[in-house]
Amino acid sequence: MKVAYITLCVVLVLLLNEAHISVAVVCRPTELASCASAITSSAAPSKMCCSKLKEQRPCLCKYLKDPNLQKLINTPNAKKVASTCGIPFPSC
């Protein structure tokens, strides 16, 4: 009985290690508020900005297609912020 229990535990651990959990990103431009000062000035982006930018990366093309957001995102400063954070600027 103990051997079966131990075997079951080992199999469960192996299966859980192989499981890949994907979390869907919710696209909210307000999540990038921490980047506003870096995008609108020459200030360096904060760690929070870079973290949020990485989190929102799948949404950037959607933001670039929005005429209201495009004015802010498709700028030299926004490209500089993305580069500083180690995120390639999307080519949509």
C-alpha atoms as a PDB file:
ATOM      1  CA  MET A   1       0.000   0.000   0.000  1.00  0.00           C
ATOM      2  CA  LYS A   2       2.830   2.427   0.859  1.00  0.00           C
ATOM      3  CA  VAL A   3       4.586   1.715  -2.429  1.00  0.00           C
ATOM      4  CA  ALA A   4       1.422   2.487  -4.404  1.00  0.00           C
ATOM      5  CA  TYR A   5       0.932   5.752  -2.492  1.00  0.00           C
ATOM      6  CA  ILE A   6       4.532   6.826  -3.024  1.00  0.00           C
ATOM      7  CA  THR A   7       4.324   5.922  -6.706  1.00  0.00           C
ATOM      8  CA  LEU A   8       1.117   7.934  -7.059  1.00  0.00           C
ATOM      9  CA  CYS A   9       2.764  10.927  -5.363  1.00  0.00           C
ATOM     10  CA  VAL A  10       5.786  10.732  -7.650  1.00  0.00           C
ATOM     11  CA  VAL A  11       3.573  10.540 -10.749  1.00  0.00           C
ATOM     12  CA  LEU A  12       1.521  13.535  -9.580  1.00  0.00           C
ATOM     13  CA  VAL A  13       4.639  15.602  -8.950  1.00  0.00           C
ATOM     14  CA  LEU A  14       5.975  14.749 -12.401  1.00  0.00           C
ATOM     15  CA  LEU A  15       2.681  15.629 -14.054  1.00  0.00           C
ATOM     16  CA  LEU A  16       2.403  18.911 -12.187  1.00  0.00           C
ATOM     17  CA  ASN A  17       5.938  19.846 -13.179  1.00  0.00           C
ATOM     18  CA  GLU A  18       4.990  19.315 -16.819  1.00  0.00           C
ATOM     19  CA  ALA A  19       1.773  21.325 -16.602  1.00  0.00           C
ATOM     20  CA  HIS A  20       2.041  24.731 -18.169  1.00  0.00           C
ATOM     21  CA  ILE A  21      -0.313  27.302 -16.785  1.00  0.00           C
ATOM     22  CA  SER A  22      -1.138  30.148 -19.110  1.00  0.00           C
ATOM     23  CA  VAL A  23      -2.699  33.304 -17.842  1.00  0.00           C
ATOM     24  CA  ALA A  24      -4.666  35.418 -20.256  1.00  0.00           C
ATOM     25  CA  VAL A  25      -3.636  39.050 -20.336  1.00  0.00           C
ATOM     26  CA  VAL A  26      -6.416  41.562 -19.922  1.00  0.00           C
ATOM     27  CA  CYS A  27      -5.708  44.476 -22.247  1.00  0.00           C
ATOM     28  CA  ARG A  28      -6.152  47.668 -20.258  1.00  0.00           C
ATOM     29  CA  PRO A  29      -4.171  50.708 -21.397  1.00  0.00           C
ATOM     30  CA  THR A  30      -4.501  52.110 -17.863  1.00  0.00           C
ATOM     31  CA  GLU A  31      -2.086  49.358 -16.766  1.00  0.00           C
ATOM     32  CA  LEU A  32       0.620  51.410 -18.460  1.00  0.00           C
ATOM     33  CA  ALA A  33      -0.019  54.522 -16.363  1.00  0.00           C
ATOM     34  CA  SER A  34       3.296  53.956 -14.574  1.00  0.00           C
ATOM     35  CA  CYS A  35       5.015  54.571 -17.934  1.00  0.00           C
ATOM     36  CA  ALA A  36       3.348  57.930 -18.595  1.00  0.00           C
ATOM     37  CA  SER A  37       6.154  60.107 -17.232  1.00  0.00           C
ATOM     38  CA  ALA A  38       8.818  58.137 -19.110  1.00  0.00           C
ATOM     39  CA  ILE A  39       6.841  58.315 -22.363  1.00  0.00           C
ATOM     40  CA  THR A  40       5.992  62.016 -22.124  1.00  0.00           C
ATOM     41  CA  SER A  41       9.436  63.156 -20.955  1.00  0.00           C
ATOM     42  CA  SER A  42      12.993  61.918 -20.996  1.00  0.00           C
ATOM     43  CA  ALA A  43      12.671  60.260 -17.564  1.00  0.00           C
ATOM     44  CA  ALA A  44      13.903  56.698 -17.231  1.00  0.00           C
ATOM     45  CA  PRO A  45      11.145  54.081 -16.952  1.00  0.00           C
ATOM     46  CA  SER A  46      10.550  52.660 -13.490  1.00  0.00           C
ATOM     47  CA  LYS A  47      10.707  48.962 -12.657  1.00  0.00           C
ATOM     48  CA  MET A  48       6.908  49.025 -12.377  1.00  0.00           C
ATOM     49  CA  CYS A  49       6.660  50.539 -15.853  1.00  0.00           C
ATOM     50  CA  CYS A  50       8.870  47.825 -17.355  1.00  0.00           C
ATOM     51  CA  SER A  51       6.955  45.119 -15.513  1.00  0.00           C
ATOM     52  CA  LYS A  52       3.607  46.416 -16.760  1.00  0.00           C
ATOM     53  CA  LEU A  53       4.970  46.897 -20.268  1.00  0.00           C
ATOM     54  CA  LYS A  54       6.126  43.271 -20.341  1.00  0.00           C
ATOM     55  CA  GLU A  55       2.753  42.170 -19.001  1.00  0.00           C
ATOM     56  CA  GLN A  56       0.850  44.204 -21.594  1.00  0.00           C
ATOM     57  CA  ARG A  57       3.154  43.276 -24.496  1.00  0.00           C
ATOM     58  CA  PRO A  58       0.523  41.066 -26.208  1.00  0.00           C
ATOM     59  CA  CYS A  59      -1.785  44.111 -26.269  1.00  0.00           C
ATOM     60  CA  LEU A  60       0.593  46.636 -27.809  1.00  0.00           C
ATOM     61  CA  CYS A  61      -0.555  46.100 -31.401  1.00  0.00           C
ATOM     62  CA  LYS A  62      -4.147  46.578 -30.309  1.00  0.00           C
ATOM     63  CA  TYR A  63      -3.141  49.832 -28.608  1.00  0.00           C
ATOM     64  CA  LEU A  64      -1.240  50.986 -31.698  1.00  0.00           C
ATOM     65  CA  LYS A  65      -4.357  50.505 -33.813  1.00  0.00           C
ATOM     66  CA  ASP A  66      -6.416  52.702 -31.486  1.00  0.00           C
ATOM     67  CA  PRO A  67      -6.218  56.293 -32.824  1.00  0.00           C
ATOM     68  CA  ASN A  68      -6.447  57.749 -29.303  1.00  0.00           C
ATOM     69  CA  LEU A  69      -3.581  55.635 -27.964  1.00  0.00           C
ATOM     70  CA  GLN A  70      -1.485  55.604 -31.109  1.00  0.00           C
ATOM     71  CA  LYS A  71      -0.516  59.255 -30.576  1.00  0.00           C
ATOM     72  CA  LEU A  72       1.118  58.343 -27.264  1.00  0.00           C
ATOM     73  CA  ILE A  73       2.535  54.932 -28.054  1.00  0.00           C
ATOM     74  CA  ASN A  74       3.979  55.477 -31.510  1.00  0.00           C
ATOM     75  CA  THR A  75       6.526  58.080 -30.380  1.00  0.00           C
ATOM     76  CA  PRO A  76      10.306  58.132 -30.103  1.00  0.00           C
ATOM     77  CA  ASN A  77      10.066  58.269 -26.291  1.00  0.00           C
ATOM     78  CA  ALA A  78       7.743  55.240 -26.174  1.00  0.00           C
ATOM     79  CA  LYS A  79      10.170  53.329 -28.384  1.00  0.00           C
ATOM     80  CA  LYS A  80      13.021  54.373 -26.082  1.00  0.00           C
ATOM     81  CA  VAL A  81      11.062  53.178 -23.021  1.00  0.00           C
ATOM     82  CA  ALA A  82      10.396  49.817 -24.681  1.00  0.00           C
ATOM     83  CA  SER A  83      14.065  49.492 -25.592  1.00  0.00           C
ATOM     84  CA  THR A  84      15.204  50.427 -22.075  1.00  0.00           C
ATOM     85  CA  CYS A  85      12.835  47.805 -20.653  1.00  0.00           C
ATOM     86  CA  GLY A  86      14.220  45.183 -23.059  1.00  0.00           C
ATOM     87  CA  ILE A  87      11.001  44.855 -25.021  1.00  0.00           C
ATOM     88  CA  PRO A  88      11.108  44.994 -28.808  1.00  0.00           C
ATOM     89  CA  PHE A  89       8.745  47.615 -30.177  1.00  0.00           C
ATOM     90  CA  PRO A  90       5.984  45.807 -32.063  1.00  0.00           C
ATOM     91  CA  SER A  91       5.746  45.977 -35.820  1.00  0.00           C
ATOM     92  CA  CYS A  92       2.069  45.437 -36.468  1.00  0.00           C
END
